[in-house]
Amino acid sequence: MNPGKYNTLSLKRGLCILSLFTFMLLSVYGCSSGSDTTTAQGDSELVISLTDAEGDFLSYTVDVQSIKMLKSDGAKIETLALTTQLDFARYVEVSEFLTTATVPSGHYTGAQIVLDFSNALITVQDENGDAINATPQDVNGNPIGLLTLDLSFNGQSDFVIAPGIAAHITLDFDLDASNDVIINGSTATVIVRPVLIADTLLEKPKPHRLRGVLGRVDPVAESFDVIIRPFRHRFSDRFGQLNVQTTDKTSYEIDGVVYDS
C-alpha cells in the first residue's frame, strides 16, 4: 500500500466521513466498544453487521430500537446504544457493520431485535416500474408499531463467545420472504411477517461496508481505526470502533471520492 494515502487520510481525520468496502472479512480484525474503554477479563468484543436477501423493494426503512444477545443462563445483553433508522433495501449487495459491543463470554442461544414500523418508509414498484409508497400491516390488517423478534443462530443450537476473542454475527433480514405486497392502483399494502436469521457461519460473505470517522492510522502495519457511524448517525460515537487491516481489495470513499488500495 502507498503510505502517501495514509498521509492524505490523516489530514482528513475528524473532518470526513469514511466509507470503506472490504472484500475480505478477515481484514477487519480488531474492535472496541469505545476509544477509552477497557474490556474486562472474561468479556469479549462482538461485531454486529446487517444484510438483506434480494427482494423487490426500492426502500424499506424502519427504526431498529434494540438488538440483544440471549445467553443460555437467561441474561439479555443489549448491544445497540441508540435507536437507528436503517434502509434494509440497501443491503442486498453488501453487509454493513452496525455496532461493536462488549459482551460477557459464554454460550448464547439466540438474539432479539426490536423493529419500529411507526415511521416506516417502504417503497415498491408497480408493473410499470413506477414507485409506490406502501403501508405496512400485520397479518390481521392492523397497523404495525413495535415488533419484537427472537432470532435463532444458523448452523448450530448456540453460539460460543470466547474470552478476549472478537466475535462477529450478521443479522440477515429476508425482505422477500418477510413481506406480501398487495398493489391496488396507486396504493400498496405490505403484509409483514418478518424472517430474520442471526448468521454466525458467514459461509457466503458479501463485501462489508464500514462507515465512520477516521481514527488512529498505522502506516507500518497498514491498518487504521474507524469510529463507527452507521446510517443516519453522522455525529454519534456510541457505536464503537473497528481496527481495519487493509488488503489489496479494500476500497475507500472519502467525502464522496472513491480510492482503491
Protein backbone atom coordinates (compact mmCIF):
# COMPACT_ATOMS: atom_id res chain seq x y z
CA MET A 1 0.00 0.00 0.00
CA ASN A 2 1.20 3.50 -0.72
CA PRO A 3 1.98 5.32 2.59
CA GLY A 4 1.08 8.59 0.88
CA LYS A 5 -2.54 7.58 1.01
CA TYR A 6 -2.33 7.35 4.76
CA ASN A 7 -0.94 10.88 4.89
CA THR A 8 -3.96 12.08 2.93
CA LEU A 9 -6.30 10.21 5.24
CA SER A 10 -4.57 11.60 8.33
CA LEU A 11 -5.13 15.18 7.19
CA LYS A 12 -8.85 14.49 6.99
CA ARG A 13 -9.10 12.85 10.43
CA GLY A 14 -12.07 14.16 12.38
CA LEU A 15 -13.36 16.07 9.36
CA CYS A 16 -14.61 13.44 6.97
CA ILE A 17 -16.96 10.52 6.90
CA LEU A 18 -15.10 7.44 5.68
CA SER A 19 -16.97 4.68 3.88
CA LEU A 20 -14.88 1.56 3.47
CA PHE A 21 -15.59 -1.58 1.49
CA THR A 22 -13.60 -4.65 2.46
CA PHE A 23 -13.97 -7.75 0.30
CA MET A 24 -12.29 -10.00 2.86
CA LEU A 25 -13.98 -10.03 6.24
CA LEU A 26 -10.74 -11.04 7.94
CA SER A 27 -9.22 -7.68 7.00
CA VAL A 28 -11.29 -6.17 9.82
CA TYR A 29 -9.69 -7.83 12.79
CA GLY A 30 -9.95 -5.67 15.87
CA CYS A 31 -12.74 -3.83 17.61
CA SER A 32 -13.56 -1.71 20.60
CA SER A 33 -16.85 -0.53 22.05
CA GLY A 34 -15.28 2.86 22.78
CA SER A 35 -11.97 4.58 22.30
CA ASP A 36 -11.25 4.83 26.04
CA THR A 37 -12.88 1.67 27.38
CA THR A 38 -11.07 -1.45 28.54
CA THR A 39 -12.58 -4.89 28.10
CA ALA A 40 -12.97 -6.61 31.46
CA GLN A 41 -11.45 -10.04 32.00
CA GLY A 42 -13.88 -12.65 30.74
CA ASP A 43 -15.58 -10.24 28.32
CA SER A 44 -15.23 -10.11 24.55
CA GLU A 45 -15.99 -7.72 21.72
CA LEU A 46 -18.92 -8.58 19.46
CA VAL A 47 -19.27 -7.05 15.99
CA ILE A 48 -22.79 -6.94 14.51
CA SER A 49 -23.46 -6.46 10.79
CA LEU A 50 -26.68 -6.17 8.80
CA THR A 51 -27.56 -7.61 5.42
CA ASP A 52 -30.61 -8.50 3.33
CA ALA A 53 -31.61 -11.18 0.87
CA GLU A 54 -32.66 -9.98 -2.56
CA GLY A 55 -36.16 -8.53 -2.89
CA ASP A 56 -38.28 -6.12 -4.94
CA PHE A 57 -38.28 -3.11 -2.62
CA LEU A 58 -36.91 0.28 -3.62
CA SER A 59 -36.71 1.24 0.05
CA TYR A 60 -37.53 -0.47 3.34
CA THR A 61 -36.69 1.98 6.09
CA VAL A 62 -37.58 1.17 9.70
CA ASP A 63 -36.17 2.04 13.12
CA VAL A 64 -34.09 -0.58 14.94
CA GLN A 65 -34.63 0.11 18.65
CA SER A 66 -32.73 -2.75 20.23
CA ILE A 67 -30.51 -5.73 19.47
CA LYS A 68 -30.00 -8.07 22.41
CA MET A 69 -27.89 -11.20 22.68
CA LEU A 70 -29.58 -14.01 24.65
CA LYS A 71 -27.33 -16.07 26.95
CA SER A 72 -28.01 -19.66 27.92
CA ASP A 73 -28.45 -18.57 31.56
CA GLY A 74 -31.34 -16.29 30.58
CA ALA A 75 -29.42 -12.98 30.58
CA LYS A 76 -30.16 -10.45 27.82
CA ILE A 77 -27.23 -8.28 26.72
CA GLU A 78 -28.06 -5.03 24.88
CA THR A 79 -25.65 -4.26 22.04
CA LEU A 80 -27.21 -1.22 20.34
CA ALA A 81 -26.53 2.12 22.00
CA LEU A 82 -29.09 4.20 20.09
CA THR A 83 -32.22 3.71 18.03
CA THR A 84 -31.03 3.58 14.43
CA GLN A 85 -33.02 4.17 11.24
CA LEU A 86 -31.99 1.68 8.56
CA ASP A 87 -32.99 1.12 4.96
CA PHE A 88 -32.72 -2.65 4.61
CA ALA A 89 -33.19 -2.46 0.83
CA ARG A 90 -29.65 -1.05 0.62
CA TYR A 91 -28.06 -4.21 1.97
CA VAL A 92 -28.75 -6.66 -0.86
CA GLU A 93 -25.27 -6.38 -2.39
CA VAL A 94 -23.30 -5.58 0.77
CA SER A 95 -23.37 -6.07 4.52
CA GLU A 96 -22.79 -3.10 6.79
CA PHE A 97 -21.02 -3.04 10.13
CA LEU A 98 -23.57 -1.57 12.54
CA THR A 99 -22.04 -1.67 16.00
CA THR A 100 -19.48 -3.21 18.32
CA ALA A 101 -20.27 -4.06 21.92
CA THR A 102 -18.52 -5.53 24.93
CA VAL A 103 -20.40 -8.68 25.97
CA PRO A 104 -19.76 -11.41 28.56
CA SER A 105 -18.14 -14.54 27.19
CA GLY A 106 -20.13 -17.76 27.23
CA HIS A 107 -22.86 -19.63 25.39
CA TYR A 108 -25.54 -17.65 23.55
CA THR A 109 -28.74 -19.29 22.34
CA GLY A 110 -30.05 -16.53 20.09
CA ALA A 111 -30.65 -12.83 19.59
CA GLN A 112 -33.61 -10.48 19.91
CA ILE A 113 -34.31 -7.44 17.75
CA VAL A 114 -36.95 -4.73 18.19
CA LEU A 115 -38.17 -3.04 14.99
CA ASP A 116 -40.36 0.07 14.98
CA PHE A 117 -42.60 0.46 11.92
CA SER A 118 -44.36 3.60 13.22
CA ASN A 119 -42.47 5.87 10.81
CA ALA A 120 -41.57 3.24 8.22
CA LEU A 121 -40.86 4.32 4.65
CA ILE A 122 -41.50 1.38 2.34
CA THR A 123 -41.47 1.82 -1.44
CA VAL A 124 -42.33 -0.81 -4.04
CA GLN A 125 -42.57 -0.90 -7.84
CA ASP A 126 -45.76 -1.46 -9.79
CA GLU A 127 -45.89 -3.41 -13.06
CA ASN A 128 -44.89 -0.26 -14.97
CA GLY A 129 -41.82 0.29 -12.82
CA ASP A 130 -43.32 3.27 -11.02
CA ALA A 131 -42.55 3.80 -7.32
CA ILE A 132 -45.44 3.47 -4.86
CA ASN A 133 -45.31 4.11 -1.12
CA ALA A 134 -46.63 1.08 0.76
CA THR A 135 -48.41 0.89 4.12
CA PRO A 136 -47.18 -1.88 6.45
CA GLN A 137 -49.79 -4.05 8.20
CA ASP A 138 -49.76 -7.23 10.24
CA VAL A 139 -51.48 -10.43 9.12
CA ASN A 140 -54.77 -9.20 10.64
CA GLY A 141 -54.71 -5.94 8.70
CA ASN A 142 -53.71 -3.80 11.67
CA PRO A 143 -51.09 -1.01 11.55
CA ILE A 144 -47.70 -2.09 12.83
CA GLY A 145 -45.82 -0.33 15.61
CA LEU A 146 -43.16 -2.19 17.59
CA LEU A 147 -42.22 -5.74 16.67
CA THR A 148 -40.02 -7.82 18.99
CA LEU A 149 -38.48 -10.80 17.21
CA ASP A 150 -36.47 -13.68 18.64
CA LEU A 151 -33.76 -14.90 16.27
CA SER A 152 -32.05 -18.27 16.23
CA PHE A 153 -28.48 -18.88 15.11
CA ASN A 154 -27.96 -20.80 11.89
CA GLY A 155 -25.90 -23.97 11.75
CA GLN A 156 -25.82 -24.73 15.47
CA SER A 157 -28.01 -24.52 18.55
CA ASP A 158 -25.85 -21.96 20.31
CA PHE A 159 -23.01 -19.54 19.71
CA VAL A 160 -19.92 -19.54 21.91
CA ILE A 161 -18.08 -16.27 22.56
CA ALA A 162 -14.63 -16.97 23.99
CA PRO A 163 -12.95 -14.61 26.50
CA GLY A 164 -10.87 -11.93 24.83
CA ILE A 165 -11.57 -13.11 21.27
CA ALA A 166 -13.59 -10.86 18.98
CA ALA A 167 -16.73 -12.45 17.53
CA HIS A 168 -18.98 -11.47 14.64
CA ILE A 169 -22.58 -12.12 13.62
CA THR A 170 -24.65 -10.86 10.70
CA LEU A 171 -28.38 -10.19 11.05
CA ASP A 172 -30.00 -11.20 7.76
CA PHE A 173 -33.44 -9.67 7.08
CA ASP A 174 -35.05 -11.57 4.19
CA LEU A 175 -37.38 -8.90 2.79
CA ASP A 176 -38.81 -11.10 0.05
CA ALA A 177 -39.83 -13.87 2.47
CA SER A 178 -40.96 -11.38 5.12
CA ASN A 179 -43.49 -9.41 3.09
CA ASP A 180 -46.51 -9.91 0.87
CA VAL A 181 -47.07 -6.91 -1.40
CA ILE A 182 -50.61 -6.01 -2.47
CA ILE A 183 -50.87 -3.26 -5.12
CA ASN A 184 -54.23 -1.66 -5.80
CA GLY A 185 -53.93 1.04 -8.42
CA SER A 186 -51.77 3.83 -7.00
CA THR A 187 -51.72 2.43 -3.46
CA ALA A 188 -49.91 -0.53 -1.94
CA THR A 189 -50.04 -2.54 1.26
CA VAL A 190 -47.28 -4.71 2.69
CA ILE A 191 -48.28 -7.62 4.95
CA VAL A 192 -45.30 -8.09 7.26
CA ARG A 193 -44.20 -11.48 8.59
CA PRO A 194 -40.54 -10.82 9.47
CA VAL A 195 -38.00 -13.53 8.66
CA LEU A 196 -34.57 -12.83 10.17
CA ILE A 197 -31.57 -15.04 10.85
CA ALA A 198 -28.58 -14.42 13.09
CA ASP A 199 -25.78 -15.72 10.86
CA THR A 200 -22.69 -16.91 12.72
CA LEU A 201 -21.23 -19.11 9.96
CA LEU A 202 -20.55 -16.46 7.29
CA GLU A 203 -20.05 -19.14 4.65
CA LYS A 204 -21.00 -16.77 1.80
CA PRO A 205 -19.82 -13.36 2.98
CA LYS A 206 -20.67 -10.27 0.97
CA PRO A 207 -18.43 -7.22 0.70
CA HIS A 208 -18.68 -5.39 4.02
CA ARG A 209 -19.16 -1.63 4.31
CA LEU A 210 -17.85 0.29 7.29
CA ARG A 211 -18.87 3.95 7.67
CA GLY A 212 -17.47 6.37 10.20
CA VAL A 213 -14.74 8.81 11.15
CA LEU A 214 -11.08 8.01 10.69
CA GLY A 215 -9.17 7.46 13.93
CA ARG A 216 -5.61 6.27 14.56
CA VAL A 217 -3.53 5.35 11.49
CA ASP A 218 -0.59 2.91 11.49
CA PRO A 219 1.24 3.18 8.12
CA VAL A 220 3.75 0.46 9.03
CA ALA A 221 1.09 -2.12 9.86
CA GLU A 222 -1.13 -0.83 7.03
CA SER A 223 -4.05 -0.52 9.41
CA PHE A 224 -6.27 2.18 10.85
CA ASP A 225 -9.18 2.69 13.25
CA VAL A 226 -12.69 3.75 12.23
CA ILE A 227 -15.16 5.21 14.73
CA ILE A 228 -18.39 3.61 13.53
CA ARG A 229 -21.19 5.93 12.44
CA PRO A 230 -23.78 3.86 10.59
CA PHE A 231 -26.71 5.02 8.50
CA ARG A 232 -28.09 8.42 9.67
CA HIS A 233 -25.78 8.68 12.69
CA ARG A 234 -23.15 11.08 11.39
CA PHE A 235 -22.48 12.73 14.75
CA SER A 236 -22.51 9.89 17.29
CA ASP A 237 -19.53 7.91 18.59
CA ARG A 238 -21.60 5.40 20.56
CA PHE A 239 -21.43 2.52 18.10
CA GLY A 240 -17.83 1.61 18.94
CA GLN A 241 -14.83 1.41 16.64
CA LEU A 242 -13.05 -1.14 14.49
CA ASN A 243 -9.40 -1.58 13.65
CA VAL A 244 -9.06 -2.33 9.94
CA GLN A 245 -6.20 -4.35 8.44
CA THR A 246 -6.21 -3.39 4.77
CA THR A 247 -5.77 -5.68 1.77
CA ASP A 248 -5.37 -5.02 -1.94
CA LYS A 249 -9.16 -5.45 -2.26
CA THR A 250 -10.07 -2.70 0.20
CA SER A 251 -11.56 0.45 -1.31
CA TYR A 252 -12.47 3.76 0.31
CA GLU A 253 -14.93 6.57 -0.19
CA ILE A 254 -13.87 9.83 1.49
CA ASP A 255 -16.20 12.82 1.22
CA GLY A 256 -17.72 11.28 -1.92
CA VAL A 257 -14.40 10.44 -3.63
CA VAL A 258 -13.53 6.74 -4.17
CA TYR A 259 -9.97 5.45 -3.63
CA ASP A 260 -8.56 1.96 -4.22
CA SER A 261 -5.79 0.32 -2.21
